[in-house]
N, C-alpha and C. Protein backbone atom coordinates (compact mmCIF):
# COMPACT_ATOMS: atom_id res chain seq x y z
N MET A 1 -173.86 54.75 -60.65
CA MET A 1 -173.04 55.92 -60.40
C MET A 1 -172.04 55.58 -59.30
N LYS A 2 -170.80 55.94 -59.52
CA LYS A 2 -169.76 55.67 -58.55
C LYS A 2 -169.83 56.68 -57.41
N GLU A 3 -169.30 56.27 -56.26
CA GLU A 3 -169.35 57.12 -55.07
C GLU A 3 -168.68 58.47 -55.29
N TYR A 4 -167.54 58.45 -55.96
CA TYR A 4 -166.83 59.72 -56.13
C TYR A 4 -167.56 60.67 -57.07
N GLU A 5 -168.41 60.16 -57.95
CA GLU A 5 -169.18 61.04 -58.83
C GLU A 5 -170.18 61.86 -58.03
N LYS A 6 -170.74 61.29 -56.98
CA LYS A 6 -171.66 62.03 -56.11
C LYS A 6 -170.92 63.16 -55.40
N VAL A 7 -169.72 62.87 -54.92
CA VAL A 7 -168.93 63.88 -54.22
C VAL A 7 -168.58 65.01 -55.18
N LEU A 8 -168.21 64.67 -56.41
CA LEU A 8 -167.87 65.70 -57.39
C LEU A 8 -169.07 66.58 -57.73
N ARG A 9 -170.24 65.96 -57.82
CA ARG A 9 -171.44 66.72 -58.14
C ARG A 9 -171.75 67.76 -57.05
N LYS A 10 -171.49 67.39 -55.79
CA LYS A 10 -171.81 68.26 -54.67
C LYS A 10 -170.70 69.27 -54.35
N ALA A 11 -169.51 69.02 -54.85
CA ALA A 11 -168.36 69.86 -54.53
C ALA A 11 -168.48 71.24 -55.18
N HIS A 12 -167.80 72.18 -54.59
CA HIS A 12 -167.71 73.54 -55.14
C HIS A 12 -167.02 73.45 -56.50
N PRO A 13 -167.43 74.26 -57.47
CA PRO A 13 -166.82 74.19 -58.82
C PRO A 13 -165.30 74.31 -58.81
N HIS A 14 -164.76 75.13 -57.93
CA HIS A 14 -163.29 75.27 -57.84
C HIS A 14 -162.66 73.94 -57.41
N ASP A 15 -163.22 73.33 -56.36
CA ASP A 15 -162.72 72.04 -55.89
C ASP A 15 -162.88 70.96 -56.96
N ARG A 16 -164.00 70.98 -57.65
CA ARG A 16 -164.27 69.99 -58.69
C ARG A 16 -163.20 70.06 -59.78
N GLY A 17 -162.84 71.26 -60.17
CA GLY A 17 -161.81 71.43 -61.20
C GLY A 17 -160.46 70.89 -60.76
N ILE A 18 -160.10 71.16 -59.51
CA ILE A 18 -158.83 70.68 -58.97
C ILE A 18 -158.81 69.15 -58.91
N ILE A 19 -159.92 68.56 -58.48
CA ILE A 19 -160.01 67.11 -58.38
C ILE A 19 -159.94 66.46 -59.76
N GLU A 20 -160.62 67.03 -60.73
CA GLU A 20 -160.59 66.47 -62.09
C GLU A 20 -159.19 66.57 -62.70
N GLU A 21 -158.48 67.67 -62.41
CA GLU A 21 -157.09 67.79 -62.87
C GLU A 21 -156.22 66.72 -62.23
N ALA A 22 -156.48 66.45 -60.95
CA ALA A 22 -155.72 65.41 -60.25
C ALA A 22 -156.00 64.04 -60.86
N PHE A 23 -157.25 63.77 -61.25
CA PHE A 23 -157.59 62.50 -61.91
C PHE A 23 -156.73 62.32 -63.15
N GLU A 24 -156.65 63.36 -63.96
CA GLU A 24 -155.87 63.27 -65.20
C GLU A 24 -154.39 63.05 -64.90
N ALA A 25 -153.87 63.73 -63.89
CA ALA A 25 -152.46 63.57 -63.54
C ALA A 25 -152.19 62.17 -62.99
N ILE A 26 -153.11 61.63 -62.20
CA ILE A 26 -152.95 60.28 -61.67
C ILE A 26 -152.96 59.27 -62.81
N LYS A 27 -153.91 59.40 -63.72
CA LYS A 27 -154.01 58.45 -64.83
C LYS A 27 -152.84 58.56 -65.79
N ALA A 28 -152.23 59.75 -65.89
CA ALA A 28 -151.05 59.92 -66.73
C ALA A 28 -149.77 59.57 -65.96
N ARG A 29 -149.95 59.17 -64.69
CA ARG A 29 -148.85 58.79 -63.79
C ARG A 29 -147.89 59.92 -63.54
N LYS A 30 -148.39 61.15 -63.59
CA LYS A 30 -147.59 62.32 -63.26
C LYS A 30 -147.72 62.67 -61.78
N LEU A 31 -148.80 62.19 -61.16
CA LEU A 31 -149.05 62.44 -59.74
C LEU A 31 -149.13 61.08 -59.06
N VAL A 32 -148.16 60.81 -58.20
CA VAL A 32 -148.09 59.51 -57.54
C VAL A 32 -148.36 59.72 -56.05
N GLY A 33 -149.24 58.89 -55.53
CA GLY A 33 -149.59 58.99 -54.13
C GLY A 33 -148.78 58.04 -53.27
N ARG A 34 -149.13 58.04 -51.99
CA ARG A 34 -148.49 57.15 -51.03
C ARG A 34 -149.35 55.90 -50.87
N LYS A 35 -148.72 54.78 -50.70
CA LYS A 35 -149.45 53.53 -50.53
C LYS A 35 -150.01 53.45 -49.11
N LEU A 36 -151.27 53.02 -49.01
CA LEU A 36 -151.88 52.84 -47.70
C LEU A 36 -151.38 51.53 -47.11
N LYS A 37 -151.02 51.55 -45.85
CA LYS A 37 -150.50 50.36 -45.19
C LYS A 37 -151.54 49.25 -45.18
N GLY A 38 -151.11 48.05 -45.47
CA GLY A 38 -151.97 46.88 -45.39
C GLY A 38 -153.00 46.75 -46.51
N SER A 39 -152.83 47.50 -47.60
CA SER A 39 -153.76 47.39 -48.71
C SER A 39 -153.03 47.67 -50.02
N ASN A 40 -153.74 47.53 -51.12
CA ASN A 40 -153.18 47.82 -52.45
C ASN A 40 -153.62 49.17 -52.95
N TYR A 41 -154.11 50.02 -52.09
CA TYR A 41 -154.60 51.34 -52.46
C TYR A 41 -153.53 52.40 -52.24
N TYR A 42 -153.65 53.47 -53.03
CA TYR A 42 -152.78 54.62 -52.89
C TYR A 42 -153.65 55.84 -52.60
N LYS A 43 -153.06 56.83 -51.94
CA LYS A 43 -153.81 58.04 -51.61
C LYS A 43 -153.06 59.27 -52.12
N VAL A 44 -153.83 60.28 -52.50
CA VAL A 44 -153.28 61.55 -52.94
C VAL A 44 -154.07 62.66 -52.28
N ARG A 45 -153.39 63.66 -51.76
CA ARG A 45 -154.06 64.81 -51.17
C ARG A 45 -154.34 65.82 -52.28
N VAL A 46 -155.61 66.21 -52.37
CA VAL A 46 -156.03 67.19 -53.38
C VAL A 46 -156.85 68.24 -52.63
N GLY A 47 -156.18 69.30 -52.19
CA GLY A 47 -156.87 70.30 -51.38
C GLY A 47 -157.34 69.68 -50.08
N ARG A 48 -158.60 69.86 -49.74
CA ARG A 48 -159.13 69.26 -48.51
C ARG A 48 -159.70 67.87 -48.75
N PHE A 49 -159.54 67.36 -49.96
CA PHE A 49 -160.04 66.04 -50.32
C PHE A 49 -158.91 65.04 -50.43
N ARG A 50 -159.25 63.75 -50.28
CA ARG A 50 -158.31 62.67 -50.47
C ARG A 50 -158.85 61.77 -51.57
N VAL A 51 -158.01 61.47 -52.54
CA VAL A 51 -158.37 60.60 -53.65
C VAL A 51 -157.64 59.28 -53.42
N THR A 52 -158.38 58.17 -53.42
CA THR A 52 -157.76 56.85 -53.31
C THR A 52 -157.94 56.12 -54.63
N TYR A 53 -156.91 55.39 -55.00
CA TYR A 53 -156.94 54.66 -56.26
C TYR A 53 -156.13 53.38 -56.13
N TYR A 54 -156.25 52.51 -57.11
CA TYR A 54 -155.51 51.25 -57.11
C TYR A 54 -155.18 50.87 -58.55
N PHE A 55 -154.27 49.91 -58.69
CA PHE A 55 -153.88 49.40 -59.99
C PHE A 55 -154.59 48.08 -60.23
N THR A 56 -155.18 47.92 -61.41
CA THR A 56 -155.83 46.65 -61.77
C THR A 56 -154.77 45.64 -62.18
N ALA A 57 -155.20 44.42 -62.42
CA ALA A 57 -154.27 43.35 -62.83
C ALA A 57 -153.58 43.68 -64.15
N GLU A 58 -154.27 44.46 -65.01
CA GLU A 58 -153.69 44.84 -66.30
C GLU A 58 -152.76 46.05 -66.18
N GLY A 59 -152.63 46.63 -64.98
CA GLY A 59 -151.78 47.79 -64.78
C GLY A 59 -152.51 49.11 -64.97
N LYS A 60 -153.82 49.05 -65.20
CA LYS A 60 -154.62 50.26 -65.38
C LYS A 60 -154.94 50.87 -64.01
N ILE A 61 -155.04 52.18 -63.95
CA ILE A 61 -155.36 52.87 -62.70
C ILE A 61 -156.86 53.10 -62.60
N GLU A 62 -157.43 52.72 -61.47
CA GLU A 62 -158.86 52.93 -61.21
C GLU A 62 -159.02 53.83 -60.00
N ILE A 63 -159.76 54.91 -60.15
CA ILE A 63 -160.08 55.80 -59.03
C ILE A 63 -161.12 55.09 -58.17
N ASP A 64 -160.89 55.02 -56.88
CA ASP A 64 -161.82 54.34 -55.99
C ASP A 64 -162.74 55.33 -55.28
N THR A 65 -162.18 56.25 -54.53
CA THR A 65 -163.02 57.20 -53.78
C THR A 65 -162.41 58.59 -53.78
N VAL A 66 -163.28 59.55 -53.54
CA VAL A 66 -162.89 60.93 -53.26
C VAL A 66 -163.66 61.31 -52.01
N ARG A 67 -162.94 61.66 -50.97
CA ARG A 67 -163.60 62.00 -49.71
C ARG A 67 -162.96 63.23 -49.10
N PRO A 68 -163.77 64.04 -48.40
CA PRO A 68 -163.16 65.12 -47.64
C PRO A 68 -162.36 64.53 -46.49
N ARG A 69 -161.26 65.13 -46.14
CA ARG A 69 -160.40 64.59 -45.09
C ARG A 69 -161.06 64.75 -43.74
N ASN A 70 -161.25 63.63 -43.02
CA ASN A 70 -161.72 63.64 -41.65
C ASN A 70 -161.31 62.32 -41.00
N GLU A 71 -161.84 62.04 -39.81
CA GLU A 71 -161.43 60.83 -39.07
C GLU A 71 -161.84 59.55 -39.79
N LYS A 72 -162.87 59.59 -40.61
CA LYS A 72 -163.41 58.39 -41.25
C LYS A 72 -162.89 58.15 -42.66
N THR A 73 -162.00 58.97 -43.13
CA THR A 73 -161.57 58.91 -44.53
C THR A 73 -160.98 57.56 -44.90
N TYR A 74 -160.14 56.98 -44.07
CA TYR A 74 -159.43 55.76 -44.44
C TYR A 74 -159.94 54.51 -43.71
N ARG A 75 -161.07 54.57 -43.06
CA ARG A 75 -161.58 53.44 -42.27
C ARG A 75 -161.88 52.20 -43.09
N ASP A 76 -162.33 52.33 -44.30
CA ASP A 76 -162.73 51.18 -45.11
C ASP A 76 -161.57 50.47 -45.78
N PHE A 77 -160.37 50.93 -45.59
CA PHE A 77 -159.23 50.32 -46.28
C PHE A 77 -158.50 49.46 -45.30
């Protein structure tokens, strides 16, 4: 199970719906985030959550994490 699936399971149903809509928009390239400095990851603000994703070598988009925004959100990048 991926880390973001745990967050989605615990999230409020309203937040879960917004995040899942954002996933679809990101994968359809309708929602473009900002690139994180010093990495190949991008971030998108979705309510109080931050979604990070990256592009694979084939050009496919992979969702990496979904985290509530706080001081530790971007530490691992």
